[in-house]
């Protein structure tokens, strides 16, 4: 059965509009994925997961320590502009109390950077396949990061935390300290991973569903050459 010229032109117009929309959303998703990967590096290495509260010392005696703590380092404020940091960031050795948290964040970092590298597969595989691979990797990254955020407060009863935040610290009790921006950024990273994975699944499903049957092969080639 032959197709009329009017339907052919409509199919080509529909295909062109779809390619433009898919390209724009796909580029936005890829840029956000790269930004999320960079944020993951910051979350892992920054010693600002928790820190002392801004309190004034009154009376005699030694003032309580002031500083911040991360997965690899404990940084105390000093007379110099640069804080005095103690830890093993250079050798990527986490603090003993936060080893499991550091491993989970490391796995999350690996998963999201693997999804960034998978963007190169757009030239060799179908777009729907690449989107699904990246979506599962981003779900893995978000799941590991969520576990790390849950395990971190449970590890507060540690010598490093007691030295920085006082003897009143315990599991899910920060004592004289409070959570800082790196931990909050990790929680936001979980939400970011969920949104990116959902968008990748949507792009993968729409890749074939929105196109006419006779235009799928042509559109796939256009996306590969974009």
Protein backbone atom coordinates (compact mmCIF):
# COMPACT_ATOMS: atom_id res chain seq x y z
CA UNK A 1 0.00 0.00 0.00
CA UNK A 2 1.54 3.30 -1.12
CA UNK A 3 1.75 6.34 1.12
CA UNK A 4 0.42 9.63 -0.16
CA UNK A 5 2.87 12.54 -0.57
CA UNK A 6 0.97 14.58 2.03
CA UNK A 7 1.45 11.88 4.67
CA UNK A 8 5.12 11.58 3.75
CA UNK A 9 5.68 15.31 4.18
CA UNK A 10 3.82 15.24 7.50
CA UNK A 11 5.97 12.35 8.65
CA UNK A 12 9.15 14.21 7.75
CA UNK A 13 7.96 17.35 9.54
CA UNK A 14 7.04 15.32 12.60
CA UNK A 15 10.44 13.63 12.49
CA UNK A 16 12.30 16.95 12.25
CA UNK A 17 10.47 18.45 15.21
CA UNK A 18 11.06 15.32 17.26
CA UNK A 19 14.78 15.31 16.52
CA UNK A 20 15.09 18.96 17.55
CA UNK A 21 13.22 18.41 20.81
CA UNK A 22 15.07 15.19 21.64
CA UNK A 23 18.40 16.83 20.88
CA UNK A 24 17.68 19.82 23.14
CA UNK A 25 16.45 17.72 26.07
CA UNK A 26 19.26 15.22 25.60
CA UNK A 27 21.92 17.93 25.66
CA UNK A 28 20.39 19.41 28.82
CA UNK A 29 20.36 15.97 30.45
CA UNK A 30 24.00 15.36 29.48
CA UNK A 31 25.12 18.73 30.89
CA UNK A 32 23.28 18.07 34.15
CA UNK A 33 24.86 14.61 34.33
CA UNK A 34 28.34 16.13 33.98
CA UNK A 35 27.54 18.72 36.67
CA UNK A 36 26.31 15.97 38.98
CA UNK A 37 29.56 14.05 38.44
CA UNK A 38 31.60 17.11 39.41
CA UNK A 39 29.42 17.62 42.48
CA UNK A 40 30.10 14.02 43.48
CA UNK A 41 33.84 14.72 43.55
CA UNK A 42 33.26 17.75 45.77
CA UNK A 43 31.06 15.72 48.12
CA UNK A 44 33.70 13.03 48.50
CA UNK A 45 36.77 15.17 49.18
CA UNK A 46 35.42 18.20 51.04
CA UNK A 47 35.96 18.16 54.84
CA UNK A 48 32.68 19.98 55.45
CA UNK A 49 30.18 17.25 56.21
CA UNK A 50 29.84 18.42 59.78
CA UNK A 51 31.26 21.31 61.80
CA UNK A 52 31.18 23.10 65.10
CA UNK A 53 28.34 25.49 65.81
CA UNK A 54 29.00 29.22 66.03
CA UNK A 55 29.11 29.65 69.80
CA UNK A 56 31.05 32.12 71.93
CA UNK A 57 33.30 30.95 74.75
CA UNK A 58 32.71 32.61 78.12
CA UNK A 59 34.73 32.21 81.28
CA UNK A 60 38.14 30.79 82.00
CA UNK A 61 39.69 27.68 80.58
CA UNK A 62 40.57 26.51 77.13
CA UNK A 63 38.11 27.33 74.39
CA UNK A 64 36.48 24.33 72.68
CA UNK A 65 37.89 23.42 69.26
CA UNK A 66 36.36 24.94 66.18
CA UNK A 67 36.48 23.33 62.79
CA UNK A 68 34.90 20.94 60.32
CA UNK A 69 35.02 17.24 59.57
CA UNK A 70 34.70 15.20 56.39
CA UNK A 71 35.19 11.61 55.30
CA UNK A 72 38.96 11.95 54.98
CA UNK A 73 40.05 14.92 57.10
CA UNK A 74 39.41 16.85 60.29
CA UNK A 75 40.17 20.56 59.87
CA UNK A 76 40.62 22.82 62.90
CA UNK A 77 40.72 26.58 62.77
CA UNK A 78 44.11 28.13 63.51
CA UNK A 79 45.78 31.51 63.61
CA UNK A 80 46.64 31.10 59.94
CA UNK A 81 44.11 31.79 57.17
CA UNK A 82 44.35 28.12 56.14
CA UNK A 83 42.86 25.63 58.63
CA UNK A 84 44.97 22.87 60.13
CA UNK A 85 43.72 19.69 58.46
CA UNK A 86 44.62 16.22 59.66
CA UNK A 87 43.83 13.14 57.67
CA UNK A 88 44.79 11.12 54.62
CA UNK A 89 43.13 12.78 51.67
CA UNK A 90 46.33 12.53 49.63
CA UNK A 91 46.31 8.73 49.97
CA UNK A 92 42.50 8.49 49.79
CA UNK A 93 42.38 6.81 53.19
CA UNK A 94 39.10 7.68 54.94
CA UNK A 95 38.75 8.19 58.66
CA UNK A 96 38.29 4.86 60.41
CA UNK A 97 34.76 5.68 61.55
CA UNK A 98 33.59 6.69 58.07
CA UNK A 99 35.12 3.99 55.89
CA UNK A 100 31.79 2.45 54.90
CA UNK A 101 30.38 5.89 54.08
CA UNK A 102 33.43 6.73 51.96
CA UNK A 103 33.15 3.43 50.07
CA UNK A 104 29.48 4.08 49.27
CA UNK A 105 30.22 7.61 48.07
CA UNK A 106 33.11 6.22 46.02
CA UNK A 107 30.85 3.65 44.34
CA UNK A 108 28.33 6.41 43.65
CA UNK A 109 31.12 8.52 42.16
CA UNK A 110 32.23 5.62 39.95
CA UNK A 111 28.67 4.99 38.72
CA UNK A 112 27.96 8.59 37.76
CA UNK A 113 31.32 9.07 36.00
CA UNK A 114 30.73 5.81 34.12
CA UNK A 115 27.42 7.25 32.92
CA UNK A 116 29.32 10.31 31.69
CA UNK A 117 31.73 8.10 29.75
CA UNK A 118 28.78 6.18 28.31
CA UNK A 119 27.74 9.33 26.47
CA UNK A 120 30.40 8.38 23.90
CA UNK A 121 28.28 5.32 23.04
CA UNK A 122 25.75 7.52 21.23
CA UNK A 123 27.89 7.14 18.10
CA UNK A 124 27.96 3.34 18.29
CA UNK A 125 24.66 2.24 19.87
CA UNK A 126 21.04 3.26 19.66
CA UNK A 127 20.10 6.30 21.70
CA UNK A 128 17.46 4.38 23.65
CA UNK A 129 20.03 1.78 24.77
CA UNK A 130 22.49 4.43 25.93
CA UNK A 131 19.82 6.30 27.86
CA UNK A 132 18.78 3.11 29.66
CA UNK A 133 22.36 2.21 30.57
CA UNK A 134 22.96 5.70 31.96
CA UNK A 135 19.64 5.64 33.82
CA UNK A 136 20.53 2.43 35.67
CA UNK A 137 23.99 3.77 36.49
CA UNK A 138 22.46 6.98 37.87
CA UNK A 139 19.98 4.99 39.93
CA UNK A 140 22.90 3.03 41.37
CA UNK A 141 24.71 6.29 42.15
CA UNK A 142 21.67 7.72 43.89
CA UNK A 143 21.03 4.54 45.89
CA UNK A 144 24.63 4.36 47.15
CA UNK A 145 24.63 8.07 47.99
CA UNK A 146 21.36 7.69 49.90
CA UNK A 147 22.83 4.83 51.93
CA UNK A 148 25.89 6.95 52.68
CA UNK A 149 23.70 9.80 53.92
CA UNK A 150 21.85 7.39 56.21
CA UNK A 151 24.98 5.72 57.58
CA UNK A 152 26.90 8.94 58.21
CA UNK A 153 24.89 10.08 61.29
CA UNK A 154 25.06 6.54 62.66
CA UNK A 155 28.88 6.83 62.69
CA UNK A 156 29.05 10.03 64.75
CA UNK A 157 29.99 8.18 67.93
CA UNK A 158 33.68 8.18 67.03
CA UNK A 159 36.92 9.58 68.52
CA UNK A 160 37.17 12.24 65.81
CA UNK A 161 33.65 13.45 66.50
CA UNK A 162 34.18 13.47 70.27
CA UNK A 163 37.36 15.50 69.93
CA UNK A 164 35.61 18.07 67.75
CA UNK A 165 32.04 18.13 69.05
CA UNK A 166 32.37 17.17 72.71
CA UNK A 167 31.49 14.12 74.75
CA UNK A 168 27.76 14.49 74.17
CA UNK A 169 27.93 13.11 70.63
CA UNK A 170 26.30 9.82 69.75
CA UNK A 171 24.55 8.08 66.91
CA UNK A 172 22.32 10.68 65.22
CA UNK A 173 23.35 13.22 67.89
CA UNK A 174 25.95 15.75 66.76
CA UNK A 175 26.62 17.25 70.18
CA UNK A 176 28.08 20.74 69.81
CA UNK A 177 28.25 20.41 66.01
CA UNK A 178 25.81 20.68 63.14
CA UNK A 179 25.66 19.38 59.58
CA UNK A 180 27.45 21.50 57.01
CA UNK A 181 27.01 22.14 53.30
CA UNK A 182 28.79 19.03 51.97
CA UNK A 183 26.34 16.71 53.75
CA UNK A 184 23.39 18.80 52.57
CA UNK A 185 24.84 18.69 49.05
CA UNK A 186 25.00 14.90 49.29
CA UNK A 187 21.30 14.76 50.20
CA UNK A 188 20.48 17.01 47.25
CA UNK A 189 22.63 14.72 45.10
CA UNK A 190 20.28 11.83 45.85
CA UNK A 191 17.37 13.88 44.51
CA UNK A 192 19.43 14.95 41.52
CA UNK A 193 20.30 11.34 40.66
CA UNK A 194 16.64 10.32 40.85
CA UNK A 195 15.59 13.15 38.53
CA UNK A 196 18.35 12.43 36.00
CA UNK A 197 17.60 8.69 35.98
CA UNK A 198 13.88 9.33 35.51
CA UNK A 199 14.56 11.73 32.65
CA UNK A 200 16.89 9.19 31.01
CA UNK A 201 14.19 6.49 31.17
CA UNK A 202 11.66 8.90 29.68
CA UNK A 203 14.02 9.84 26.85
CA UNK A 204 14.71 6.17 26.16
CA UNK A 205 11.01 5.27 25.99
CA UNK A 206 10.06 8.29 23.92
CA UNK A 207 12.89 7.64 21.49
CA UNK A 208 10.84 5.03 19.65
CA UNK A 209 7.30 5.65 20.86
CA UNK A 210 6.95 9.19 19.50
CA UNK A 211 8.16 8.40 15.99
CA UNK A 212 6.24 7.00 13.03
CA UNK A 213 7.34 3.41 12.26
CA UNK A 214 8.96 4.36 8.94
CA UNK A 215 10.98 7.20 10.49
CA UNK A 216 12.71 5.46 13.38
CA UNK A 217 15.80 4.40 11.46
CA UNK A 218 16.25 7.83 9.92
CA UNK A 219 15.88 9.59 13.26
CA UNK A 220 18.38 7.28 14.93
CA UNK A 221 20.92 8.20 12.28
CA UNK A 222 20.26 11.89 12.73
CA UNK A 223 20.74 11.60 16.49
CA UNK A 224 24.02 9.76 16.00
CA UNK A 225 25.33 12.48 13.69
CA UNK A 226 24.22 15.35 15.97
